[in-house]
N, C-alpha and C. Protein backbone atom coordinates (compact mmCIF):
# COMPACT_ATOMS: atom_id res chain seq x y z
N UNK A 1 35.03 31.47 -67.32
CA UNK A 1 35.26 31.39 -67.79
C UNK A 1 36.69 29.42 -66.92
N UNK A 2 37.12 29.09 -67.37
CA UNK A 2 37.32 27.19 -66.38
C UNK A 2 38.27 28.15 -66.30
N UNK A 3 38.72 27.19 -65.10
CA UNK A 3 40.36 27.71 -64.26
C UNK A 3 41.68 26.73 -65.51
N UNK A 4 42.72 27.27 -65.33
CA UNK A 4 43.62 26.24 -66.07
C UNK A 4 44.01 25.04 -65.12
N UNK A 5 44.48 24.25 -65.78
CA UNK A 5 44.93 23.25 -64.30
C UNK A 5 45.31 22.78 -63.43
N UNK A 6 46.48 23.82 -63.80
CA UNK A 6 46.85 23.95 -62.12
C UNK A 6 46.33 24.72 -61.70
N UNK A 7 45.76 25.45 -61.51
CA UNK A 7 44.89 26.14 -60.32
C UNK A 7 44.35 25.46 -59.73
N UNK A 8 43.81 24.04 -60.38
CA UNK A 8 42.90 23.28 -59.86
C UNK A 8 43.80 21.79 -59.28
N UNK A 9 44.68 21.73 -59.56
CA UNK A 9 44.64 21.11 -58.87
C UNK A 9 45.56 21.35 -57.73
N UNK A 10 45.80 23.23 -57.57
CA UNK A 10 46.40 23.11 -56.45
C UNK A 10 45.29 23.69 -55.11
N UNK A 11 43.99 23.95 -55.68
CA UNK A 11 43.14 23.83 -54.93
C UNK A 11 42.66 22.64 -54.49
N UNK A 12 42.25 20.90 -55.30
CA UNK A 12 42.79 19.98 -54.75
C UNK A 12 43.84 19.80 -53.51
N UNK A 13 44.86 20.25 -53.77
CA UNK A 13 46.19 20.24 -53.13
C UNK A 13 45.83 20.49 -51.41
N UNK A 14 45.36 21.87 -51.85
CA UNK A 14 44.58 22.21 -50.46
C UNK A 14 43.94 22.03 -49.71
N UNK A 15 43.09 21.74 -50.39
CA UNK A 15 41.97 20.83 -49.44
C UNK A 15 42.14 19.73 -48.83
N UNK A 16 43.34 18.69 -50.00
CA UNK A 16 43.43 17.60 -48.98
C UNK A 16 43.80 18.29 -47.70
N UNK A 17 44.61 18.74 -48.23
CA UNK A 17 46.07 19.41 -47.02
C UNK A 17 45.17 19.52 -45.69
N UNK A 18 43.84 19.72 -45.73
CA UNK A 18 42.83 20.42 -44.45
C UNK A 18 42.12 19.40 -44.73
N UNK A 19 41.61 18.61 -45.36
CA UNK A 19 40.99 17.80 -44.35
C UNK A 19 41.69 16.41 -44.23
N UNK A 20 43.24 16.27 -44.48
CA UNK A 20 43.37 15.27 -43.99
C UNK A 20 44.95 15.12 -44.26
N UNK A 21 45.44 15.44 -42.91
CA UNK A 21 47.23 16.55 -43.47
C UNK A 21 48.45 14.80 -43.53
N UNK A 22 47.94 13.61 -42.08
CA UNK A 22 48.56 12.55 -42.57
C UNK A 22 48.96 11.69 -43.96
N UNK A 23 47.54 11.57 -44.71
CA UNK A 23 47.63 11.11 -45.87
C UNK A 23 48.35 12.30 -47.13
N UNK A 24 48.58 13.61 -46.86
CA UNK A 24 49.08 14.44 -47.45
C UNK A 24 50.69 14.51 -47.01
N UNK A 25 51.33 14.53 -45.67
CA UNK A 25 52.37 14.25 -45.31
C UNK A 25 53.34 12.94 -46.49
N UNK A 26 52.33 11.44 -46.44
CA UNK A 26 52.97 10.37 -46.06
C UNK A 26 53.27 10.86 -47.80
N UNK A 27 52.03 11.33 -48.07
CA UNK A 27 52.24 11.31 -49.54
C UNK A 27 53.63 11.15 -50.02
N UNK A 28 53.88 13.21 -49.50
CA UNK A 28 55.38 13.50 -49.99
C UNK A 28 56.22 12.91 -49.72
N UNK A 29 55.96 12.29 -48.44
CA UNK A 29 57.11 11.83 -48.29
C UNK A 29 57.47 10.19 -49.33
N UNK A 30 56.29 10.10 -50.35
CA UNK A 30 56.94 9.08 -51.09
C UNK A 30 56.28 7.44 -50.14
N UNK A 31 55.61 7.81 -49.28
CA UNK A 31 55.10 6.50 -48.28
C UNK A 31 53.42 6.85 -48.09
N UNK A 32 52.66 6.34 -48.86
CA UNK A 32 51.13 6.29 -49.31
C UNK A 32 50.85 5.78 -47.67
N UNK A 33 49.74 6.35 -46.75
CA UNK A 33 49.52 5.92 -46.07
C UNK A 33 47.58 5.79 -46.63
N UNK A 34 46.90 5.62 -45.54
CA UNK A 34 45.14 4.84 -45.85
C UNK A 34 44.82 6.14 -46.01
N UNK A 35 43.84 6.66 -46.64
CA UNK A 35 43.01 7.92 -46.60
C UNK A 35 42.76 7.92 -45.42
N UNK A 36 41.96 8.79 -44.85
CA UNK A 36 40.51 8.69 -43.14
C UNK A 36 39.43 7.55 -43.94
N UNK A 37 38.92 7.90 -45.20
CA UNK A 37 37.92 7.12 -44.74
C UNK A 37 38.69 5.92 -44.36
N UNK A 38 39.80 5.03 -44.77
CA UNK A 38 39.49 3.54 -44.73
C UNK A 38 40.61 3.55 -43.15
N UNK A 39 40.71 4.15 -42.61
CA UNK A 39 41.43 4.37 -41.38
C UNK A 39 40.34 3.71 -40.24
N UNK A 40 40.10 2.46 -39.83
CA UNK A 40 38.86 2.68 -39.24
C UNK A 40 39.32 1.12 -37.34
N UNK A 41 40.57 1.45 -38.17
CA UNK A 41 41.02 0.91 -36.03
C UNK A 41 40.42 0.64 -34.84
N UNK A 42 39.90 2.12 -34.82
CA UNK A 42 39.00 2.63 -32.57
C UNK A 42 38.54 2.25 -33.50
N UNK A 43 37.42 2.05 -34.58
CA UNK A 43 36.40 1.31 -34.73
C UNK A 43 35.99 0.23 -34.37
N UNK A 44 36.33 -0.88 -35.09
CA UNK A 44 36.78 -2.23 -34.46
C UNK A 44 36.98 -2.56 -33.18
N UNK A 45 38.02 -1.71 -32.73
CA UNK A 45 38.55 -1.89 -31.15
C UNK A 45 37.29 -1.49 -30.25
N UNK A 46 36.12 -0.72 -30.34
CA UNK A 46 35.00 -0.47 -30.19
C UNK A 46 34.33 -1.12 -29.74
N UNK A 47 33.77 -1.31 -31.23
CA UNK A 47 33.08 -2.44 -31.85
C UNK A 47 33.81 -3.77 -30.09
N UNK A 48 34.37 -4.23 -31.06
CA UNK A 48 34.77 -5.38 -29.53
C UNK A 48 34.90 -4.99 -28.03
N UNK A 49 35.32 -3.91 -27.82
CA UNK A 49 34.96 -3.50 -26.37
C UNK A 49 33.27 -2.82 -26.20
N UNK A 50 32.22 -2.96 -26.62
CA UNK A 50 30.46 -2.74 -26.85
C UNK A 50 30.48 -4.42 -27.41
N UNK A 51 30.88 -5.40 -27.56
CA UNK A 51 30.49 -6.86 -27.45
C UNK A 51 31.10 -7.49 -25.90
N UNK A 52 31.83 -7.04 -25.82
CA UNK A 52 31.97 -7.48 -24.30
C UNK A 52 30.91 -7.30 -23.46
N UNK A 53 30.92 -5.77 -23.30
CA UNK A 53 30.48 -5.16 -22.52
C UNK A 53 29.08 -6.32 -22.93
N UNK A 54 28.71 -5.78 -23.58
CA UNK A 54 26.93 -6.53 -23.67
C UNK A 54 27.16 -8.09 -23.37
N UNK A 55 27.73 -8.72 -23.70
CA UNK A 55 28.58 -10.51 -23.25
C UNK A 55 28.81 -10.06 -22.03
N UNK A 56 29.35 -9.32 -21.38
CA UNK A 56 29.33 -9.04 -20.04
C UNK A 56 28.37 -9.18 -18.76
N UNK A 57 26.97 -8.10 -19.25
CA UNK A 57 25.83 -7.98 -18.93
C UNK A 57 24.82 -8.93 -18.78
N UNK A 58 24.79 -9.64 -20.09
CA UNK A 58 23.79 -10.71 -20.11
C UNK A 58 24.25 -11.69 -19.76
N UNK A 59 25.58 -12.51 -18.81
CA UNK A 59 25.96 -13.18 -17.52
C UNK A 59 26.13 -12.81 -16.64
N UNK A 60 26.33 -11.63 -16.60
CA UNK A 60 25.75 -11.03 -14.67
C UNK A 60 24.09 -10.56 -14.76
N UNK A 61 23.65 -10.79 -16.16
CA UNK A 61 21.77 -10.54 -15.33
C UNK A 61 21.53 -9.22 -15.09
N UNK A 62 22.60 -7.96 -15.69
CA UNK A 62 22.71 -6.52 -15.39
C UNK A 62 22.23 -5.76 -16.15
N UNK A 63 21.45 -4.67 -16.64
CA UNK A 63 20.19 -4.70 -17.07
C UNK A 63 21.42 -3.26 -17.59
N UNK A 64 21.86 -2.35 -16.59
CA UNK A 64 22.38 -1.36 -17.23
C UNK A 64 24.04 -1.71 -18.16
N UNK A 65 24.45 -2.54 -18.14
CA UNK A 65 25.69 -3.63 -18.35
C UNK A 65 25.21 -4.02 -20.19
N UNK A 66 24.31 -4.37 -20.23
CA UNK A 66 23.97 -4.49 -20.83
C UNK A 66 23.01 -3.63 -22.23
N UNK A 67 22.56 -2.87 -21.24
CA UNK A 67 22.37 -1.34 -22.21
C UNK A 67 23.71 -0.58 -22.99
N UNK A 68 24.01 -0.61 -22.27
CA UNK A 68 25.74 0.29 -22.23
C UNK A 68 26.18 -0.77 -23.31
N UNK A 69 26.36 -1.71 -23.42
CA UNK A 69 26.54 -2.71 -23.87
C UNK A 69 26.33 -2.33 -25.50
N UNK A 70 24.86 -2.58 -26.06
CA UNK A 70 24.25 -1.54 -26.94
C UNK A 70 24.82 -0.68 -27.30
N UNK A 71 24.48 0.55 -26.32
CA UNK A 71 25.39 1.03 -27.08
C UNK A 71 26.18 1.63 -27.51
N UNK A 72 27.06 1.23 -27.18
CA UNK A 72 28.41 0.72 -27.99
C UNK A 72 28.85 0.10 -28.71
N UNK A 73 28.19 -1.06 -28.56
CA UNK A 73 27.98 -1.44 -30.25
C UNK A 73 27.18 -0.63 -31.06
N UNK A 74 25.99 -0.34 -31.50
CA UNK A 74 25.36 1.14 -31.71
C UNK A 74 26.38 1.67 -32.30
N UNK A 75 26.54 2.44 -31.43
CA UNK A 75 27.73 3.55 -32.44
C UNK A 75 29.22 3.53 -33.11
N UNK A 76 30.09 2.15 -33.01
CA UNK A 76 31.36 1.42 -32.75
C UNK A 76 30.64 0.80 -34.45
N UNK A 77 29.40 0.41 -34.86
CA UNK A 77 28.67 -0.15 -36.30
C UNK A 77 28.82 1.14 -36.69
N UNK A 78 28.40 2.16 -36.38
CA UNK A 78 28.40 3.78 -37.44
C UNK A 78 30.22 3.32 -37.53
N UNK A 79 30.20 4.38 -36.96
CA UNK A 79 32.04 3.84 -37.23
C UNK A 79 32.60 3.08 -38.41
N UNK A 80 32.11 1.77 -38.57
CA UNK A 80 33.04 1.06 -39.30
C UNK A 80 32.20 1.47 -40.33
N UNK A 81 30.76 1.64 -40.44
CA UNK A 81 30.69 1.40 -42.24
C UNK A 81 29.26 3.15 -41.81
N UNK A 82 29.84 3.56 -41.95
CA UNK A 82 30.05 5.38 -42.16
C UNK A 82 29.40 5.33 -43.25
N UNK A 83 28.31 6.35 -43.46
CA UNK A 83 26.97 6.22 -44.30
C UNK A 83 27.92 7.29 -46.01
N UNK A 84 27.97 6.37 -46.64
CA UNK A 84 28.61 5.99 -48.02
C UNK A 84 28.53 8.16 -48.71
N UNK A 85 27.20 8.65 -48.53
CA UNK A 85 27.06 9.90 -49.06
C UNK A 85 28.61 11.07 -49.24
N UNK A 86 29.05 10.81 -47.68
CA UNK A 86 30.27 11.27 -46.53
C UNK A 86 31.64 11.52 -47.48
N UNK A 87 31.36 9.71 -47.91
CA UNK A 87 32.89 9.48 -48.61
C UNK A 87 32.94 9.59 -50.34
N UNK A 88 31.96 10.63 -50.30
CA UNK A 88 31.76 11.19 -51.50
C UNK A 88 31.42 10.16 -52.69
N UNK A 89 31.45 9.23 -52.59
CA UNK A 89 31.11 7.93 -53.59
C UNK A 89 28.98 7.47 -53.79
N UNK A 90 28.16 7.85 -54.55
CA UNK A 90 27.01 7.54 -54.44
C UNK A 90 26.53 6.17 -54.79
N UNK A 91 25.67 5.29 -53.84
CA UNK A 91 25.73 4.08 -54.07
C UNK A 91 23.90 4.32 -55.68
N UNK A 92 23.79 3.82 -56.81
CA UNK A 92 22.64 3.74 -57.06
C UNK A 92 21.91 2.70 -57.50
N UNK A 93 21.03 2.88 -56.56
CA UNK A 93 19.67 1.48 -56.50
C UNK A 93 19.56 1.19 -57.32
């Protein structure tokens, strides 16, 4: 037996509240905020830091700095471009 529309909306609201409370508080206040999937400022800062460490490692010819920079850039690149299946949309090739 299908659920009534109100019950589905309440379930959707509860799930959204658990996943992204900042977004739901902003919507209630009437000032929409970006959902969590689109907030990536920290990832861009991590990418910039990784590039700076990598560049300084190259300039100073220090293998440990180069390795650290490469690891940081790789981690930040994953944060900037997350897995599309986690975002709820599927790509069809």
